[in-house]
C-alpha atoms as a PDB file:
ATOM      1  CA  MET A   1     -16.273  -0.411  -8.804  1.00  0.00           C
ATOM      2  CA  ARG A   2     -18.521  -0.588  -5.713  1.00  0.00           C
ATOM      3  CA  ARG A   3     -21.581   1.634  -6.004  1.00  0.00           C
ATOM      4  CA  ILE A   4     -21.979   4.560  -3.596  1.00  0.00           C
ATOM      5  CA  SER A   5     -25.417   6.127  -3.428  1.00  0.00           C
ATOM      6  CA  LEU A   6     -24.075   9.690  -3.248  1.00  0.00           C
ATOM      7  CA  LEU A   7     -22.322   9.529  -6.598  1.00  0.00           C
ATOM      8  CA  PRO A   8     -22.799   7.501  -9.771  1.00  0.00           C
ATOM      9  CA  ALA A   9     -20.416   4.607 -10.360  1.00  0.00           C
ATOM     10  CA  ARG A  10     -17.548   5.258 -12.717  1.00  0.00           C
ATOM     11  CA  ARG A  11     -14.872   3.143 -14.319  1.00  0.00           C
ATOM     12  CA  LEU A  12     -11.346   2.970 -13.026  1.00  0.00           C
ATOM     13  CA  THR A  13      -9.224   5.769 -14.424  1.00  0.00           C
ATOM     14  CA  ALA A  14      -6.526   4.663 -16.868  1.00  0.00           C
ATOM     15  CA  GLU A  15      -3.061   4.197 -15.381  1.00  0.00           C
ATOM     16  CA  SER A  16      -1.548   6.998 -17.475  1.00  0.00           C
ATOM     17  CA  ALA A  17      -4.232   9.423 -16.307  1.00  0.00           C
ATOM     18  CA  VAL A  18      -3.733   8.388 -12.657  1.00  0.00           C
ATOM     19  CA  ALA A  19       0.015   8.997 -13.056  1.00  0.00           C
ATOM     20  CA  GLN A  20      -0.691  12.515 -14.329  1.00  0.00           C
ATOM     21  CA  LEU A  21      -3.042  13.202 -11.422  1.00  0.00           C
ATOM     22  CA  TYR A  22      -0.411  12.141  -8.908  1.00  0.00           C
ATOM     23  CA  ASN A  23       2.309  14.076 -10.700  1.00  0.00           C
ATOM     24  CA  ARG A  24       0.235  17.229 -10.316  1.00  0.00           C
ATOM     25  CA  ALA A  25      -0.561  16.456  -6.672  1.00  0.00           C
ATOM     26  CA  ALA A  26       3.006  15.551  -5.671  1.00  0.00           C
ATOM     27  CA  HIS A  27       4.059  19.016  -4.503  1.00  0.00           C
ATOM     28  CA  GLY A  28       1.571  19.165  -1.650  1.00  0.00           C
ATOM     29  CA  TRP A  29       1.039  15.451  -1.100  1.00  0.00           C
ATOM     30  CA  GLN A  30       3.058  15.005   2.098  1.00  0.00           C
ATOM     31  CA  ALA A  31       1.526  18.055   3.749  1.00  0.00           C
ATOM     32  CA  GLY A  32      -1.919  16.664   3.002  1.00  0.00           C
ATOM     33  CA  LEU A  33      -1.078  13.278   4.535  1.00  0.00           C
ATOM     34  CA  ASP A  34       0.290  14.961   7.640  1.00  0.00           C
ATOM     35  CA  ARG A  35      -2.796  17.149   7.941  1.00  0.00           C
ATOM     36  CA  ILE A  36      -5.275  14.245   7.942  1.00  0.00           C
ATOM     37  CA  GLY A  37      -3.164  11.962  10.115  1.00  0.00           C
ATOM     38  CA  TYR A  38      -1.834   9.238   7.830  1.00  0.00           C
ATOM     39  CA  ASP A  39       1.743   9.530   9.074  1.00  0.00           C
ATOM     40  CA  ALA A  40       0.641   8.539  12.590  1.00  0.00           C
ATOM     41  CA  ALA A  41      -1.774   5.925  11.244  1.00  0.00           C
ATOM     42  CA  TYR A  42       0.925   4.198   9.207  1.00  0.00           C
ATOM     43  CA  ARG A  43       3.290   4.249  12.178  1.00  0.00           C
ATOM     44  CA  ALA A  44       0.679   2.456  14.283  1.00  0.00           C
ATOM     45  CA  LEU A  45       0.063  -0.075  11.516  1.00  0.00           C
ATOM     46  CA  CYS A  46       3.755  -0.802  11.059  1.00  0.00           C
ATOM     47  CA  ALA A  47       4.248  -1.049  14.815  1.00  0.00           C
ATOM     48  CA  ALA A  48       1.549  -3.744  14.912  1.00  0.00           C
ATOM     49  CA  ALA A  49       3.353  -5.595  12.140  1.00  0.00           C
ATOM     50  CA  GLN A  50       6.439  -5.953  14.346  1.00  0.00           C
ATOM     51  CA  ASP A  51       4.522  -8.491  16.427  1.00  0.00           C
ATOM     52  CA  HIS A  52       5.064 -10.842  13.520  1.00  0.00           C
ATOM     53  CA  ALA A  53       8.317 -12.711  12.986  1.00  0.00           C
ATOM     54  CA  SER A  54      11.072 -10.463  11.616  1.00  0.00           C
ATOM     55  CA  PRO A  55      14.333 -11.548  10.040  1.00  0.00           C
ATOM     56  CA  ASP A  56      17.517 -11.064  12.081  1.00  0.00           C
ATOM     57  CA  SER A  57      19.425  -9.704   9.090  1.00  0.00           C
ATOM     58  CA  PRO A  58      18.760  -6.464   7.160  1.00  0.00           C
ATOM     59  CA  VAL A  59      15.188  -6.296   5.902  1.00  0.00           C
ATOM     60  CA  HIS A  60      14.609  -6.013   2.139  1.00  0.00           C
ATOM     61  CA  VAL A  61      11.410  -4.011   1.644  1.00  0.00           C
ATOM     62  CA  LEU A  62       9.336  -3.199  -1.446  1.00  0.00           C
ATOM     63  CA  ASP A  63       7.036  -0.177  -1.053  1.00  0.00           C
ATOM     64  CA  VAL A  64       4.409  -0.300  -3.793  1.00  0.00           C
ATOM     65  CA  GLY A  65       2.851   3.060  -4.593  1.00  0.00           C
ATOM     66  CA  THR A  66       5.312   4.736  -2.271  1.00  0.00           C
ATOM     67  CA  GLY A  67       4.245   8.313  -3.004  1.00  0.00           C
ATOM     68  CA  THR A  68       6.423  10.471  -0.773  1.00  0.00           C
ATOM     69  CA  GLY A  69       7.640   7.404   1.138  1.00  0.00           C
ATOM     70  CA  VAL A  70       5.400   7.871   4.182  1.00  0.00           C
ATOM     71  CA  MET A  71       4.729   4.164   4.759  1.00  0.00           C
ATOM     72  CA  ALA A  72       8.376   3.245   4.174  1.00  0.00           C
ATOM     73  CA  ARG A  73       9.424   5.794   6.790  1.00  0.00           C
ATOM     74  CA  ALA A  74       6.818   4.454   9.218  1.00  0.00           C
ATOM     75  CA  PHE A  75       8.129   0.941   8.691  1.00  0.00           C
ATOM     76  CA  ALA A  76      11.750   1.960   9.216  1.00  0.00           C
ATOM     77  CA  ALA A  77      10.839   3.834  12.406  1.00  0.00           C
ATOM     78  CA  ASN A  78       9.390   0.638  13.873  1.00  0.00           C
ATOM     79  CA  THR A  79      12.023  -1.841  12.693  1.00  0.00           C
ATOM     80  CA  PRO A  80      15.204  -2.433  14.715  1.00  0.00           C
ATOM     81  CA  GLN A  81      17.059  -3.968  11.758  1.00  0.00           C
ATOM     82  CA  PRO A  82      18.475  -1.850   8.941  1.00  0.00           C
ATOM     83  CA  CYS A  83      16.202  -1.677   5.898  1.00  0.00           C
ATOM     84  CA  GLN A  84      16.955  -1.721   2.188  1.00  0.00           C
ATOM     85  CA  PHE A  85      14.042  -0.133   0.315  1.00  0.00           C
ATOM     86  CA  ASP A  86      12.898  -0.506  -3.267  1.00  0.00           C
ATOM     87  CA  LEU A  87      10.330   2.222  -3.958  1.00  0.00           C
ATOM     88  CA  LEU A  88       7.794   1.672  -6.748  1.00  0.00           C
ATOM     89  CA  ASP A  89       5.441   4.354  -8.053  1.00  0.00           C
ATOM     90  CA  ILE A  90       3.798   5.264 -11.355  1.00  0.00           C
ATOM     91  CA  SER A  91       4.456   8.955 -10.643  1.00  0.00           C
ATOM     92  CA  ALA A  92       7.943  10.243 -11.367  1.00  0.00           C
ATOM     93  CA  GLU A  93       7.160  13.419  -9.413  1.00  0.00           C
ATOM     94  CA  MET A  94       6.244  11.401  -6.331  1.00  0.00           C
ATOM     95  CA  LEU A  95       9.434   9.355  -6.553  1.00  0.00           C
ATOM     96  CA  GLN A  96      11.499  12.542  -6.683  1.00  0.00           C
ATOM     97  CA  ARG A  97       9.927  13.621  -3.397  1.00  0.00           C
ATOM     98  CA  ALA A  98      10.165  10.265  -1.613  1.00  0.00           C
ATOM     99  CA  GLN A  99      12.237  10.796   1.528  1.00  0.00           C
ATOM    100  CA  VAL A 100      13.542   7.453   2.792  1.00  0.00           C
ATOM    101  CA  SER A 101      16.779   6.832   4.673  1.00  0.00           C
ATOM    102  CA  GLY A 102      19.667   5.003   3.075  1.00  0.00           C
ATOM    103  CA  GLN A 103      19.983   4.653  -0.679  1.00  0.00           C
ATOM    104  CA  PRO A 104      16.590   3.398  -1.872  1.00  0.00           C
ATOM    105  CA  ARG A 105      16.175   2.014  -5.356  1.00  0.00           C
ATOM    106  CA  LEU A 106      13.620   4.135  -7.235  1.00  0.00           C
ATOM    107  CA  ILE A 107      11.475   2.298  -9.778  1.00  0.00           C
ATOM    108  CA  GLU A 108       8.962   4.131 -11.948  1.00  0.00           C
ATOM    109  CA  GLY A 109       6.221   1.659 -12.802  1.00  0.00           C
ATOM    110  CA  ALA A 110       3.131  -0.175 -11.639  1.00  0.00           C
ATOM    111  CA  ILE A 111       2.201  -3.514 -10.151  1.00  0.00           C
ATOM    112  CA  GLY A 112       3.232  -6.129 -12.688  1.00  0.00           C
ATOM    113  CA  THR A 113       6.442  -4.434 -13.779  1.00  0.00           C
ATOM    114  CA  PRO A 114       9.121  -6.942 -14.839  1.00  0.00           C
ATOM    115  CA  ASP A 115      11.764  -4.824 -13.067  1.00  0.00           C
ATOM    116  CA  ILE A 116      10.917  -6.484  -9.743  1.00  0.00           C
ATOM    117  CA  ALA A 117      11.779 -10.157  -9.301  1.00  0.00           C
ATOM    118  CA  ALA A 118       9.634 -12.684  -7.470  1.00  0.00           C
ATOM    119  CA  ASP A 119      10.672 -14.196  -4.124  1.00  0.00           C
ATOM    120  CA  SER A 120      12.822 -11.139  -3.328  1.00  0.00           C
ATOM    121  CA  TYR A 121      11.410  -9.283  -0.303  1.00  0.00           C
ATOM    122  CA  ASP A 122      11.029  -9.807   3.426  1.00  0.00           C
ATOM    123  CA  ARG A 123       8.253  -7.213   3.516  1.00  0.00           C
ATOM    124  CA  VAL A 124       5.974  -5.638   0.933  1.00  0.00           C
ATOM    125  CA  LEU A 125       4.217  -2.364   1.776  1.00  0.00           C
ATOM    126  CA  CYS A 126       1.216  -1.239  -0.243  1.00  0.00           C
ATOM    127  CA  GLY A 127      -0.732   1.868   0.702  1.00  0.00           C
ATOM    128  CA  HIS A 128      -3.906   2.623  -1.271  1.00  0.00           C
ATOM    129  CA  VAL A 129      -2.870   1.010  -4.544  1.00  0.00           C
ATOM    130  CA  ILE A 130      -5.126  -2.044  -4.842  1.00  0.00           C
ATOM    131  CA  GLU A 131      -8.092   0.317  -5.265  1.00  0.00           C
ATOM    132  CA  HIS A 132      -6.628   1.597  -8.536  1.00  0.00           C
ATOM    133  CA  CYS A 133      -6.137  -1.846 -10.082  1.00  0.00           C
ATOM    134  CA  ALA A 134      -8.547  -3.131 -12.715  1.00  0.00           C
ATOM    135  CA  ASP A 135      -7.900  -6.660 -11.404  1.00  0.00           C
ATOM    136  CA  PRO A 136      -7.211  -6.368  -7.654  1.00  0.00           C
ATOM    137  CA  ASP A 137      -7.021 -10.133  -7.252  1.00  0.00           C
ATOM    138  CA  ALA A 138      -4.215 -10.352  -9.814  1.00  0.00           C
ATOM    139  CA  ALA A 139      -2.486  -7.412  -8.119  1.00  0.00           C
ATOM    140  CA  LEU A 140      -2.559  -9.187  -4.760  1.00  0.00           C
ATOM    141  CA  ARG A 141      -1.208 -12.365  -6.331  1.00  0.00           C
ATOM    142  CA  TRP A 142       1.665 -10.316  -7.752  1.00  0.00           C
ATOM    143  CA  LEU A 143       2.419  -8.818  -4.328  1.00  0.00           C
ATOM    144  CA  HIS A 144       2.305 -12.293  -2.794  1.00  0.00           C
ATOM    145  CA  ALA A 145       4.794 -13.571  -5.356  1.00  0.00           C
ATOM    146  CA  ARG A 146       7.282 -10.745  -4.662  1.00  0.00           C
ATOM    147  CA  LEU A 147       7.603 -11.903  -1.047  1.00  0.00           C
ATOM    148  CA  LYS A 148      10.049 -14.519   0.104  1.00  0.00           C
ATOM    149  CA  PRO A 149       8.317 -17.518   1.707  1.00  0.00           C
ATOM    150  CA  GLY A 150       7.492 -16.457   5.250  1.00  0.00           C
ATOM    151  CA  GLY A 151       7.523 -12.755   4.334  1.00  0.00           C
ATOM    152  CA  SER A 152       4.685 -10.391   5.199  1.00  0.00           C
ATOM    153  CA  ALA A 153       2.672  -7.718   3.418  1.00  0.00           C
ATOM    154  CA  ILE A 154       1.416  -4.566   5.131  1.00  0.00           C
ATOM    155  CA  LEU A 155      -1.453  -2.923   3.276  1.00  0.00           C
ATOM    156  CA  SER A 156      -3.811   0.006   3.607  1.00  0.00           C
ATOM    157  CA  VAL A 157      -6.997  -0.141   1.518  1.00  0.00           C
ATOM    158  CA  SER A 158      -9.843   2.349   1.111  1.00  0.00           C
ATOM    159  CA  LYS A 159     -13.221   1.285   2.439  1.00  0.00           C
ATOM    160  CA  PRO A 160     -16.684   2.509   1.435  1.00  0.00           C
ATOM    161  CA  HIS A 161     -17.574   5.875   3.004  1.00  0.00           C
ATOM    162  CA  TRP A 162     -19.023   9.113   1.699  1.00  0.00           C
ATOM    163  CA  CYS A 163     -15.574  10.737   2.069  1.00  0.00           C
ATOM    164  CA  THR A 164     -13.917   8.051  -0.041  1.00  0.00           C
ATOM    165  CA  ALA A 165     -16.673   8.495  -2.610  1.00  0.00           C
ATOM    166  CA  LEU A 166     -15.381  12.023  -3.221  1.00  0.00           C
ATOM    167  CA  VAL A 167     -11.786  10.798  -3.519  1.00  0.00           C
ATOM    168  CA  ARG A 168     -12.888   8.033  -5.846  1.00  0.00           C
ATOM    169  CA  TRP A 169     -14.738  10.514  -8.035  1.00  0.00           C
ATOM    170  CA  LYS A 170     -11.493  12.391  -8.631  1.00  0.00           C
ATOM    171  CA  TYR A 171      -9.086   9.466  -8.943  1.00  0.00           C
ATOM    172  CA  GLY A 172     -11.407   6.818 -10.375  1.00  0.00           C
ATOM    173  CA  SER A 173     -10.515   4.244  -7.734  1.00  0.00           C
ATOM    174  CA  SER A 174     -12.563   1.627  -5.893  1.00  0.00           C
ATOM    175  CA  ALA A 175     -13.192   0.880  -2.224  1.00  0.00           C
ATOM    176  CA  TYR A 176     -13.588  -2.461  -0.466  1.00  0.00           C
ATOM    177  CA  THR A 177     -15.065  -3.570   2.826  1.00  0.00           C
ATOM    178  CA  PRO A 178     -12.597  -5.177   5.239  1.00  0.00           C
ATOM    179  CA  GLU A 179     -14.379  -8.492   4.764  1.00  0.00           C
ATOM    180  CA  ARG A 180     -13.859  -8.269   1.010  1.00  0.00           C
ATOM    181  CA  VAL A 181     -10.185  -7.411   1.398  1.00  0.00           C
ATOM    182  CA  GLU A 182      -9.598 -10.335   3.739  1.00  0.00           C
ATOM    183  CA  THR A 183     -11.270 -12.674   1.264  1.00  0.00           C
ATOM    184  CA  MET A 184      -9.131 -11.323  -1.589  1.00  0.00           C
ATOM    185  CA  LEU A 185      -5.964 -11.748   0.475  1.00  0.00           C
ATOM    186  CA  GLN A 186      -6.869 -15.333   1.274  1.00  0.00           C
ATOM    187  CA  THR A 187      -7.677 -16.070  -2.371  1.00  0.00           C
ATOM    188  CA  ALA A 188      -4.294 -14.618  -3.385  1.00  0.00           C
ATOM    189  CA  GLY A 189      -2.556 -17.158  -1.138  1.00  0.00           C
ATOM    190  CA  PHE A 190      -1.925 -15.109   2.010  1.00  0.00           C
ATOM    191  CA  THR A 191      -2.292 -16.615   5.476  1.00  0.00           C
ATOM    192  CA  ASN A 192      -2.212 -15.208   9.033  1.00  0.00           C
ATOM    193  CA  ILE A 193      -4.362 -12.311   7.866  1.00  0.00           C
ATOM    194  CA  HIS A 194      -4.875  -9.629  10.509  1.00  0.00           C
ATOM    195  CA  ARG A 195      -7.168  -6.650  10.195  1.00  0.00           C
ATOM    196  CA  GLN A 196      -5.698  -3.508  11.790  1.00  0.00           C
ATOM    197  CA  PRO A 197      -8.320  -0.729  11.906  1.00  0.00           C
ATOM    198  CA  TYR A 198      -7.018   2.791  12.306  1.00  0.00           C
ATOM    199  CA  ALA A 199      -7.915   4.212  15.693  1.00  0.00           C
ATOM    200  CA  SER A 200      -9.556   7.500  14.742  1.00  0.00           C
ATOM    201  CA  GLY A 201      -9.698  10.510  12.457  1.00  0.00           C
ATOM    202  CA  PRO A 202      -9.841  10.486   8.667  1.00  0.00           C
ATOM    203  CA  PRO A 203      -7.709   7.288   8.366  1.00  0.00           C
ATOM    204  CA  GLY A 204     -10.229   5.417  10.516  1.00  0.00           C
ATOM    205  CA  ARG A 205     -13.110   6.591   8.337  1.00  0.00           C
ATOM    206  CA  LEU A 206     -11.434   6.276   4.953  1.00  0.00           C
ATOM    207  CA  SER A 207      -9.441   3.062   5.094  1.00  0.00           C
ATOM    208  CA  CYS A 208      -8.253   0.037   7.025  1.00  0.00           C
ATOM    209  CA  GLY A 209      -4.876  -1.605   7.542  1.00  0.00           C
ATOM    210  CA  TYR A 210      -4.011  -5.272   7.024  1.00  0.00           C
ATOM    211  CA  ILE A 211      -1.083  -7.562   7.743  1.00  0.00           C
ATOM    212  CA  ALA A 212      -0.800 -10.858   5.890  1.00  0.00           C
ATOM    213  CA  GLN A 213       1.883 -13.477   5.347  1.00  0.00           C
ATOM    214  CA  ARG A 214       3.103 -15.578   2.475  1.00  0.00           C
ATOM    215  CA  PRO A 215       3.312 -19.063   3.985  1.00  0.00           C
ATOM    216  CA  ILE A 216       6.622 -20.884   4.160  1.00  0.00           C
ATOM    217  CA  ASP A 217       6.847 -23.374   1.323  1.00  0.00           C
ATOM    218  CA  HIS A 218       7.116 -27.020   2.309  1.00  0.00           C
END
């Protein structure tokens, strides 16, 4: 975990403990995201992702760490094609509160679950999950492998800041500079990596958005 001078470093919290934290937080989670502006931030990020090539047919989307489905909803609002969502989260309480149009498939689990096949998705969404992974490089490789060749990932990742230090103290997560995230994405096999900073407010201070592609196999 990256050291922050304001607080001592601590180890990543165990997955089971993180799940319990998010279960307890689920009731007020969406209201908190709305209050600090993440709904609008994710909409802007997903709108930027539409500049990239999109399939003409319905879009199969995996939302990793979906929470209440805020990033999935932002993606659907900016995508002209119909979307079929698979929502993955370690918190059963969060999944129960995920509000996504259509009939999403709800999957309780974490990155690495065998319930999700490789080469299956046109888009993978991942909001503030990599920070919780003991091996973020392996997590990014797993996300890369879930995409179909030519598919894209849309990610939001916490960056070092005194505000994120307080969040990290509670949830035991990490934070990464944009340069570090871009390097990790490249190492995982992604290409066409685009940094998408959030314009303002808490999202701009706490995190950064990214769009990256799995190259088409030749």
